[in-house]
Amino acid sequence: MGWFARWRRGRAAQRSPVSAAEWSAVIQRFSFLRILSTDEQSRLRDLVAAFLNEKSLQGAGGLTINRDIELVIAAQACLLVLNLDLDYYRDWVEVIVYPDEFIVDHEYTDEDGVVHRVRAPLSGEAWEQGPVILSWEDAEAADGGDGYNVVMHEFAHKIDMLNGAADGFPPLHADMDREVWTQTFTDAFAGFERQLEQHEDTLIDPYAAEDPAEFFAVLSELFFERPDALKADYPAVYSQLARFYRQDPLSRLQAAA
């Protein structure tokens, strides 16, 4: 990001700051925020202010957006880009929030050319160059110990979509090896599918087996919410996510303990 964009966002954070009381309440709400260093919490606070200045949160299904909803969603979304840049959420502006699960109609064509129409409830959805749609009931239920985090999941999709349709292959940094990323996630995905076929217990949501894009999003949730479990089961994946997000949540967790 250029100096002008950094200056503009800094000015935005000054014009619409997150108060100390508001920020303290958000930090205390989630353990993955409490283990951040003082400097990290301060930088995240500025990112949240800039995010809320650039994005529009709209209530749907009768939900009225309030400050608590804004801060809870923005803090979780911005944690993913804490050591990256808010520009990872460029080219779109809207976050739509429903009170709880919302119903969507999807149409797809199978390998035989048959068109299917599916009507199903969702807790979150991310559109390429479009809005992020969330269930507030699920968004505020983060940090439940199971690694589930709908906000991080959908915003991981947004990051994945920066270089096209979500496919589990976000735009890697120049110092990262594309072949290593591909092999690491391919091996992990295949191993996870075998676990499900053998009916083994796993902390990972079975939904992660839908496709590589969902696998990346689900494991991004675990990376921030349950880094200990992710590294224990998939150390190579943890290493790649740490290099991509430029964060080490497990070190934070261990330091806090």
Protein backbone atom coordinates (compact mmCIF):
# COMPACT_ATOMS: atom_id res chain seq x y z
CA MET A 1 0.00 0.00 0.00
CA GLY A 2 1.29 3.47 -0.89
CA TRP A 3 2.01 6.25 1.56
CA PHE A 4 -1.12 8.18 0.54
CA ALA A 5 -3.41 5.23 1.27
CA ARG A 6 -1.72 4.70 4.65
CA TRP A 7 -2.10 8.41 5.43
CA ARG A 8 -5.77 8.38 4.38
CA ARG A 9 -6.54 5.37 6.53
CA GLY A 10 -4.69 6.87 9.47
CA ARG A 11 -6.79 10.00 9.14
CA ALA A 12 -9.95 7.89 8.96
CA ALA A 13 -9.00 6.11 12.18
CA GLN A 14 -8.48 9.49 13.86
CA ARG A 15 -11.84 10.82 12.66
CA SER A 16 -13.81 7.74 13.72
CA PRO A 17 -11.77 6.12 16.49
CA VAL A 18 -12.73 3.09 18.52
CA SER A 19 -12.94 4.29 22.11
CA ALA A 20 -10.90 2.69 24.87
CA ALA A 21 -14.05 1.34 26.52
CA GLU A 22 -15.38 -0.12 23.28
CA TRP A 23 -12.06 -1.72 22.46
CA SER A 24 -11.60 -3.20 25.92
CA ALA A 25 -15.02 -4.85 25.67
CA VAL A 26 -14.17 -6.42 22.31
CA ILE A 27 -10.75 -7.64 23.45
CA GLN A 28 -12.20 -9.26 26.56
CA ARG A 29 -14.86 -10.99 24.52
CA PHE A 30 -12.55 -13.32 22.59
CA SER A 31 -9.52 -15.28 23.78
CA PHE A 32 -7.83 -15.04 20.35
CA LEU A 33 -7.80 -11.25 20.84
CA ARG A 34 -6.75 -11.32 24.50
CA ILE A 35 -3.54 -13.20 23.65
CA LEU A 36 -2.41 -10.49 21.22
CA SER A 37 0.47 -8.32 22.39
CA THR A 38 -0.23 -4.72 23.40
CA ASP A 39 1.23 -3.53 20.10
CA GLU A 40 -0.87 -6.01 18.11
CA GLN A 41 -4.04 -4.95 19.91
CA SER A 42 -3.25 -1.31 19.18
CA ARG A 43 -2.63 -1.96 15.48
CA LEU A 44 -5.76 -4.08 15.24
CA ARG A 45 -7.77 -1.27 16.82
CA ASP A 46 -6.59 1.13 14.10
CA LEU A 47 -7.35 -1.45 11.40
CA VAL A 48 -10.88 -1.88 12.77
CA ALA A 49 -11.48 1.88 12.66
CA ALA A 50 -10.24 2.02 9.06
CA PHE A 51 -12.29 -1.05 8.10
CA LEU A 52 -15.48 0.48 9.47
CA ASN A 53 -14.71 3.70 7.62
CA GLU A 54 -14.35 1.84 4.30
CA LYS A 55 -17.01 -0.85 4.60
CA SER A 56 -20.75 -0.59 4.98
CA LEU A 57 -22.46 -2.96 7.41
CA GLN A 58 -26.13 -3.42 6.57
CA GLY A 59 -28.73 -5.25 8.60
CA ALA A 60 -31.13 -7.67 6.90
CA GLY A 61 -34.03 -9.81 8.04
CA GLY A 62 -35.06 -7.22 10.61
CA LEU A 63 -31.63 -6.82 12.22
CA THR A 64 -30.53 -3.29 13.15
CA ILE A 65 -26.77 -2.78 13.06
CA ASN A 66 -25.34 -1.36 16.29
CA ARG A 67 -21.83 -0.57 17.49
CA ASP A 68 -21.39 -3.98 19.12
CA ILE A 69 -22.16 -5.79 15.87
CA GLU A 70 -19.79 -3.52 13.94
CA LEU A 71 -16.88 -4.03 16.31
CA VAL A 72 -17.30 -7.78 16.83
CA ILE A 73 -17.38 -8.47 13.09
CA ALA A 74 -14.66 -5.97 12.17
CA ALA A 75 -12.24 -7.19 14.87
CA GLN A 76 -12.48 -10.80 13.70
CA ALA A 77 -12.22 -9.86 10.03
CA CYS A 78 -9.23 -7.58 10.58
CA LEU A 79 -7.32 -10.14 12.65
CA LEU A 80 -6.69 -12.10 9.43
CA VAL A 81 -4.94 -9.12 7.84
CA LEU A 82 -3.25 -7.74 10.95
CA ASN A 83 0.23 -8.30 9.47
CA LEU A 84 -0.87 -8.02 5.85
CA ASP A 85 -2.92 -5.02 4.79
CA LEU A 86 -6.52 -3.86 4.69
CA ASP A 87 -6.10 -3.77 0.90
CA TYR A 88 -6.63 -7.54 0.99
CA TYR A 89 -10.32 -6.60 1.35
CA ARG A 90 -10.35 -4.29 -1.67
CA ASP A 91 -12.89 -3.96 -4.51
CA TRP A 92 -16.00 -4.47 -2.44
CA VAL A 93 -17.73 -2.53 0.36
CA GLU A 94 -20.72 -4.28 1.87
CA VAL A 95 -21.18 -6.67 4.77
CA ILE A 96 -24.78 -7.86 5.12
CA VAL A 97 -25.78 -9.24 8.52
CA TYR A 98 -28.86 -11.35 9.27
CA PRO A 99 -30.07 -12.11 12.81
CA ASP A 100 -29.34 -15.82 12.30
CA GLU A 101 -29.11 -18.33 9.44
CA PHE A 102 -30.49 -17.11 6.12
CA ILE A 103 -31.98 -19.03 3.22
CA VAL A 104 -30.30 -19.01 -0.20
CA ASP A 105 -31.19 -20.51 -3.55
CA HIS A 106 -28.29 -21.91 -5.55
CA GLU A 107 -28.24 -23.38 -9.03
CA TYR A 108 -25.46 -25.63 -10.34
CA THR A 109 -24.85 -28.08 -13.16
CA ASP A 110 -23.45 -31.51 -12.35
CA GLU A 111 -20.93 -33.50 -14.40
CA ASP A 112 -23.77 -35.04 -16.43
CA GLY A 113 -25.09 -31.62 -17.42
CA VAL A 114 -28.11 -31.80 -15.15
CA VAL A 115 -29.10 -28.49 -13.58
CA HIS A 116 -29.90 -28.63 -9.86
CA ARG A 117 -31.58 -25.99 -7.73
CA VAL A 118 -30.86 -26.08 -4.00
CA ARG A 119 -32.55 -24.08 -1.26
CA ALA A 120 -30.63 -24.22 2.01
CA PRO A 121 -29.89 -22.26 5.20
CA LEU A 122 -26.42 -20.71 5.55
CA SER A 123 -24.54 -18.97 8.35
CA GLY A 124 -22.24 -17.12 5.95
CA GLU A 125 -21.46 -16.50 2.32
CA ALA A 126 -18.84 -14.52 0.39
CA TRP A 127 -19.33 -13.32 -3.16
CA GLU A 128 -16.46 -12.66 -5.54
CA GLN A 129 -16.19 -8.84 -5.82
CA GLY A 130 -19.46 -8.69 -3.89
CA PRO A 131 -20.62 -8.61 -0.29
CA VAL A 132 -19.87 -10.81 2.68
CA ILE A 133 -23.09 -12.12 4.21
CA LEU A 134 -23.13 -13.26 7.84
CA SER A 135 -25.40 -14.62 10.54
CA TRP A 136 -25.00 -12.45 13.64
CA GLU A 137 -25.96 -15.38 15.89
CA ASP A 138 -23.00 -17.32 14.49
CA ALA A 139 -20.64 -14.33 14.37
CA GLU A 140 -21.01 -13.60 18.06
CA ALA A 141 -20.72 -17.31 18.94
CA ALA A 142 -17.04 -17.38 17.96
CA ASP A 143 -14.42 -18.69 20.35
CA GLY A 144 -16.56 -21.62 21.42
CA GLY A 145 -13.62 -24.04 21.62
CA ASP A 146 -14.51 -26.02 18.49
CA GLY A 147 -12.60 -23.84 16.05
CA TYR A 148 -15.76 -22.60 14.35
CA ASN A 149 -15.66 -18.95 13.25
CA VAL A 150 -17.98 -17.85 10.47
CA VAL A 151 -16.46 -14.37 10.16
CA MET A 152 -12.92 -15.65 9.68
CA HIS A 153 -14.22 -18.33 7.33
CA GLU A 154 -15.94 -15.92 4.98
CA PHE A 155 -13.16 -13.36 5.06
CA ALA A 156 -10.63 -16.10 4.31
CA HIS A 157 -12.72 -16.77 1.20
CA LYS A 158 -12.45 -13.07 0.33
CA ILE A 159 -8.66 -13.26 0.57
CA ASP A 160 -8.70 -16.46 -1.52
CA MET A 161 -10.76 -14.63 -4.18
CA LEU A 162 -8.15 -11.91 -4.70
CA ASN A 163 -6.69 -13.87 -7.61
CA GLY A 164 -9.97 -15.26 -8.98
CA ALA A 165 -12.62 -17.72 -7.86
CA ALA A 166 -11.99 -19.30 -4.45
CA ASP A 167 -9.84 -22.39 -4.90
CA GLY A 168 -7.74 -22.67 -1.75
CA PHE A 169 -4.82 -20.91 -3.41
CA PRO A 170 -4.70 -17.25 -2.32
CA PRO A 171 -2.08 -14.87 -3.75
CA LEU A 172 1.10 -16.04 -2.03
CA HIS A 173 3.91 -13.74 -0.96
CA ALA A 174 7.02 -13.54 -3.11
CA ASP A 175 9.04 -15.50 -0.54
CA MET A 176 6.60 -18.44 -0.55
CA ASP A 177 6.89 -21.52 -2.77
CA ARG A 178 3.77 -22.29 -4.83
CA GLU A 179 4.72 -25.96 -5.19
CA VAL A 180 5.21 -26.39 -1.44
CA TRP A 181 1.82 -24.77 -0.75
CA THR A 182 0.10 -26.97 -3.31
CA GLN A 183 1.69 -30.20 -2.09
CA THR A 184 1.08 -29.38 1.57
CA PHE A 185 -2.62 -28.67 1.13
CA THR A 186 -3.15 -31.48 -1.37
CA ASP A 187 -1.67 -34.03 1.06
CA ALA A 188 -3.63 -32.63 4.00
CA PHE A 189 -6.89 -32.58 2.05
CA ALA A 190 -6.44 -36.18 0.94
CA GLY A 191 -5.61 -37.26 4.48
CA PHE A 192 -8.68 -35.48 5.83
CA GLU A 193 -10.90 -37.21 3.29
CA ARG A 194 -9.48 -40.58 4.38
CA GLN A 195 -10.27 -39.74 8.01
CA LEU A 196 -13.88 -39.03 7.10
CA GLU A 197 -14.17 -42.20 5.02
CA GLN A 198 -12.91 -44.20 8.01
CA HIS A 199 -15.28 -42.36 10.36
CA GLU A 200 -12.44 -41.12 12.53
CA ASP A 201 -13.04 -38.31 15.01
CA THR A 202 -11.62 -34.99 13.90
CA LEU A 203 -11.81 -31.44 15.17
CA ILE A 204 -12.07 -30.18 11.60
CA ASP A 205 -15.61 -29.53 10.36
CA PRO A 206 -16.50 -32.19 7.74
CA TYR A 207 -17.64 -29.31 5.53
CA ALA A 208 -13.94 -28.71 4.86
CA ALA A 209 -14.02 -31.77 2.57
CA GLU A 210 -16.36 -30.00 0.13
CA ASP A 211 -13.46 -28.66 -1.93
CA PRO A 212 -10.00 -27.04 -1.53
CA ALA A 213 -11.53 -23.57 -1.07
CA GLU A 214 -13.58 -24.71 1.94
CA PHE A 215 -10.59 -26.62 3.28
CA PHE A 216 -8.48 -23.45 3.23
CA ALA A 217 -11.24 -21.39 4.88
CA VAL A 218 -11.97 -23.95 7.61
CA LEU A 219 -8.29 -24.41 8.41
CA SER A 220 -7.88 -20.63 8.55
CA GLU A 221 -10.56 -20.62 11.27
CA LEU A 222 -8.62 -23.27 13.20
CA PHE A 223 -5.35 -21.43 12.70
CA PHE A 224 -6.61 -18.51 14.75
CA GLU A 225 -9.08 -20.25 17.07
CA ARG A 226 -7.33 -23.57 17.80
CA PRO A 227 -3.71 -23.21 16.65
CA ASP A 228 -2.61 -25.95 19.06
CA ALA A 229 -4.93 -28.51 17.50
CA LEU A 230 -4.12 -27.49 13.93
CA LYS A 231 -0.37 -27.70 14.44
CA ALA A 232 -0.67 -31.05 16.23
CA ASP A 233 -2.62 -32.62 13.36
CA TYR A 234 -1.27 -30.67 10.37
CA PRO A 235 2.11 -29.10 11.23
CA ALA A 236 3.00 -28.46 7.58
CA VAL A 237 -0.30 -26.68 6.96
CA TYR A 238 0.19 -24.62 10.10
CA SER A 239 3.61 -23.57 8.85
CA GLN A 240 2.24 -22.48 5.48
CA LEU A 241 -0.61 -20.50 7.06
CA ALA A 242 1.82 -18.85 9.47
CA ARG A 243 3.95 -17.74 6.53
CA PHE A 244 0.91 -16.54 4.59
CA TYR A 245 -0.86 -14.64 7.40
CA ARG A 246 2.54 -13.64 8.85
CA GLN A 247 1.32 -14.56 12.32
CA ASP A 248 2.01 -17.32 14.85
CA PRO A 249 -1.09 -17.74 17.04
CA LEU A 250 0.35 -20.82 18.76
CA SER A 251 3.31 -18.81 20.08
CA ARG A 252 0.85 -16.24 21.42
CA LEU A 253 -1.19 -18.97 23.07
CA GLN A 254 1.87 -20.54 24.66
CA ALA A 255 3.13 -17.17 25.90
CA ALA A 256 -0.25 -16.39 27.44
CA ALA A 257 -0.35 -19.78 29.15
